[in-house]
C-alpha atoms as a PDB file:
ATOM      1  CA  UNK A   1      21.650   2.294  14.557  1.00  0.00           C
ATOM      2  CA  UNK A   2      21.312  -0.796  12.412  1.00  0.00           C
ATOM      3  CA  UNK A   3      23.723  -2.247   9.879  1.00  0.00           C
ATOM      4  CA  UNK A   4      21.567  -0.753   7.093  1.00  0.00           C
ATOM      5  CA  UNK A   5      21.782   2.670   8.770  1.00  0.00           C
ATOM      6  CA  UNK A   6      25.566   2.328   8.922  1.00  0.00           C
ATOM      7  CA  UNK A   7      25.711   1.437   5.209  1.00  0.00           C
ATOM      8  CA  UNK A   8      23.525   4.452   4.374  1.00  0.00           C
ATOM      9  CA  UNK A   9      25.664   6.774   6.516  1.00  0.00           C
ATOM     10  CA  UNK A  10      28.852   5.590   4.770  1.00  0.00           C
ATOM     11  CA  UNK A  11      27.172   5.975   1.389  1.00  0.00           C
ATOM     12  CA  UNK A  12      26.173   9.580   2.122  1.00  0.00           C
ATOM     13  CA  UNK A  13      29.332  10.730   3.935  1.00  0.00           C
ATOM     14  CA  UNK A  14      31.808   9.185   1.477  1.00  0.00           C
ATOM     15  CA  UNK A  15      29.568   9.698  -1.572  1.00  0.00           C
ATOM     16  CA  UNK A  16      29.963   6.046  -2.544  1.00  0.00           C
ATOM     17  CA  UNK A  17      27.506   3.820  -4.389  1.00  0.00           C
ATOM     18  CA  UNK A  18      25.287   1.806  -2.063  1.00  0.00           C
ATOM     19  CA  UNK A  19      26.785  -1.509  -3.201  1.00  0.00           C
ATOM     20  CA  UNK A  20      30.338  -0.323  -2.365  1.00  0.00           C
ATOM     21  CA  UNK A  21      29.267   0.933   1.039  1.00  0.00           C
ATOM     22  CA  UNK A  22      27.574  -2.372   1.781  1.00  0.00           C
ATOM     23  CA  UNK A  23      30.675  -4.336   0.710  1.00  0.00           C
ATOM     24  CA  UNK A  24      32.923  -2.180   2.918  1.00  0.00           C
ATOM     25  CA  UNK A  25      30.724  -2.620   6.006  1.00  0.00           C
ATOM     26  CA  UNK A  26      30.415  -6.377   5.373  1.00  0.00           C
ATOM     27  CA  UNK A  27      34.189  -6.663   4.954  1.00  0.00           C
ATOM     28  CA  UNK A  28      34.812  -4.865   8.246  1.00  0.00           C
ATOM     29  CA  UNK A  29      32.278  -7.004  10.119  1.00  0.00           C
ATOM     30  CA  UNK A  30      33.620 -10.254   8.628  1.00  0.00           C
ATOM     31  CA  UNK A  31      37.175  -9.296   9.630  1.00  0.00           C
ATOM     32  CA  UNK A  32      36.022  -8.514  13.181  1.00  0.00           C
ATOM     33  CA  UNK A  33      34.085 -11.776  13.449  1.00  0.00           C
ATOM     34  CA  UNK A  34      37.044 -13.762  12.107  1.00  0.00           C
ATOM     35  CA  UNK A  35      39.366 -12.150  14.656  1.00  0.00           C
ATOM     36  CA  UNK A  36      37.021 -13.147  17.505  1.00  0.00           C
ATOM     37  CA  UNK A  37      36.694 -16.676  16.085  1.00  0.00           C
ATOM     38  CA  UNK A  38      40.512 -16.864  16.184  1.00  0.00           C
ATOM     39  CA  UNK A  39      40.311 -15.820  19.854  1.00  0.00           C
ATOM     40  CA  UNK A  40      41.861 -12.453  19.012  1.00  0.00           C
ATOM     41  CA  UNK A  41      41.130  -9.001  20.367  1.00  0.00           C
ATOM     42  CA  UNK A  42      39.829  -5.947  18.502  1.00  0.00           C
ATOM     43  CA  UNK A  43      40.677  -2.467  19.731  1.00  0.00           C
ATOM     44  CA  UNK A  44      39.110   0.616  18.165  1.00  0.00           C
ATOM     45  CA  UNK A  45      40.655   3.758  19.654  1.00  0.00           C
ATOM     46  CA  UNK A  46      38.068   6.197  20.944  1.00  0.00           C
ATOM     47  CA  UNK A  47      35.357   3.502  20.964  1.00  0.00           C
ATOM     48  CA  UNK A  48      36.410   0.414  22.901  1.00  0.00           C
ATOM     49  CA  UNK A  49      37.568  -3.169  22.521  1.00  0.00           C
ATOM     50  CA  UNK A  50      36.071  -6.556  21.758  1.00  0.00           C
ATOM     51  CA  UNK A  51      37.427  -9.777  23.247  1.00  0.00           C
ATOM     52  CA  UNK A  52      36.138 -13.213  24.150  1.00  0.00           C
ATOM     53  CA  UNK A  53      35.333 -14.002  27.750  1.00  0.00           C
ATOM     54  CA  UNK A  54      35.716 -17.614  28.853  1.00  0.00           C
ATOM     55  CA  UNK A  55      33.208 -19.078  31.276  1.00  0.00           C
ATOM     56  CA  UNK A  56      33.709 -22.341  33.164  1.00  0.00           C
ATOM     57  CA  UNK A  57      31.115 -25.101  33.310  1.00  0.00           C
ATOM     58  CA  UNK A  58      28.601 -24.791  36.124  1.00  0.00           C
ATOM     59  CA  UNK A  59      25.360 -26.249  37.432  1.00  0.00           C
ATOM     60  CA  UNK A  60      22.337 -24.055  36.949  1.00  0.00           C
ATOM     61  CA  UNK A  61      18.632 -24.361  37.477  1.00  0.00           C
ATOM     62  CA  UNK A  62      15.914 -24.287  34.842  1.00  0.00           C
ATOM     63  CA  UNK A  63      13.655 -21.462  36.079  1.00  0.00           C
ATOM     64  CA  UNK A  64      10.570 -23.019  34.504  1.00  0.00           C
ATOM     65  CA  UNK A  65      10.897 -26.552  35.880  1.00  0.00           C
ATOM     66  CA  UNK A  66      13.342 -26.094  38.758  1.00  0.00           C
ATOM     67  CA  UNK A  67      15.475 -28.988  37.450  1.00  0.00           C
ATOM     68  CA  UNK A  68      19.259 -28.788  37.772  1.00  0.00           C
ATOM     69  CA  UNK A  69      20.970 -28.249  34.423  1.00  0.00           C
ATOM     70  CA  UNK A  70      24.677 -28.653  33.653  1.00  0.00           C
ATOM     71  CA  UNK A  71      25.930 -25.719  31.579  1.00  0.00           C
ATOM     72  CA  UNK A  72      28.969 -26.420  29.396  1.00  0.00           C
ATOM     73  CA  UNK A  73      31.983 -24.091  29.342  1.00  0.00           C
ATOM     74  CA  UNK A  74      31.609 -21.349  26.772  1.00  0.00           C
ATOM     75  CA  UNK A  75      33.171 -18.286  25.159  1.00  0.00           C
ATOM     76  CA  UNK A  76      31.134 -15.124  24.759  1.00  0.00           C
ATOM     77  CA  UNK A  77      32.183 -12.003  22.825  1.00  0.00           C
ATOM     78  CA  UNK A  78      32.391  -9.011  25.171  1.00  0.00           C
ATOM     79  CA  UNK A  79      32.621  -5.282  24.426  1.00  0.00           C
ATOM     80  CA  UNK A  80      34.435  -2.987  26.827  1.00  0.00           C
ATOM     81  CA  UNK A  81      33.730   0.690  26.246  1.00  0.00           C
ATOM     82  CA  UNK A  82      36.759   2.962  25.947  1.00  0.00           C
ATOM     83  CA  UNK A  83      37.475   5.810  28.337  1.00  0.00           C
ATOM     84  CA  UNK A  84      36.995   8.520  25.692  1.00  0.00           C
ATOM     85  CA  UNK A  85      33.546   7.280  24.636  1.00  0.00           C
ATOM     86  CA  UNK A  86      32.454   6.697  28.226  1.00  0.00           C
ATOM     87  CA  UNK A  87      33.413  10.263  29.161  1.00  0.00           C
ATOM     88  CA  UNK A  88      31.722  11.768  26.091  1.00  0.00           C
ATOM     89  CA  UNK A  89      28.469   9.907  26.728  1.00  0.00           C
ATOM     90  CA  UNK A  90      28.555  10.801  30.424  1.00  0.00           C
ATOM     91  CA  UNK A  91      29.172  14.482  29.615  1.00  0.00           C
ATOM     92  CA  UNK A  92      26.049  14.497  27.438  1.00  0.00           C
ATOM     93  CA  UNK A  93      23.813  12.527  29.811  1.00  0.00           C
ATOM     94  CA  UNK A  94      21.629  15.550  30.614  1.00  0.00           C
ATOM     95  CA  UNK A  95      20.703  15.909  26.943  1.00  0.00           C
ATOM     96  CA  UNK A  96      19.011  12.487  27.029  1.00  0.00           C
ATOM     97  CA  UNK A  97      16.753  13.143  30.006  1.00  0.00           C
ATOM     98  CA  UNK A  98      13.112  13.572  28.983  1.00  0.00           C
ATOM     99  CA  UNK A  99      11.525  16.208  31.171  1.00  0.00           C
ATOM    100  CA  UNK A 100       7.928  15.734  32.221  1.00  0.00           C
ATOM    101  CA  UNK A 101       5.551  18.562  31.364  1.00  0.00           C
END
């Protein structure tokens, strides 16, 4: 599902004009991004949580040239799936298997 699909789904389910649906989705995403920029945590019950993971600096290797490269410390947003969603997806796993003819 893309952002446009999400806007369309909100528009149809809530019977809102497209421009309102788009503004609502953009507002939600901006608030989530701002929370992560402030090093906060986002928890959506039944779905999961978003938080930043901190990685220390390390020496790596450029796979193309083989040269050693120093990688700076960094923060990366990370999503951890919630128990409820994980169990629901796992319970439906057989529905996603494509059977060969």
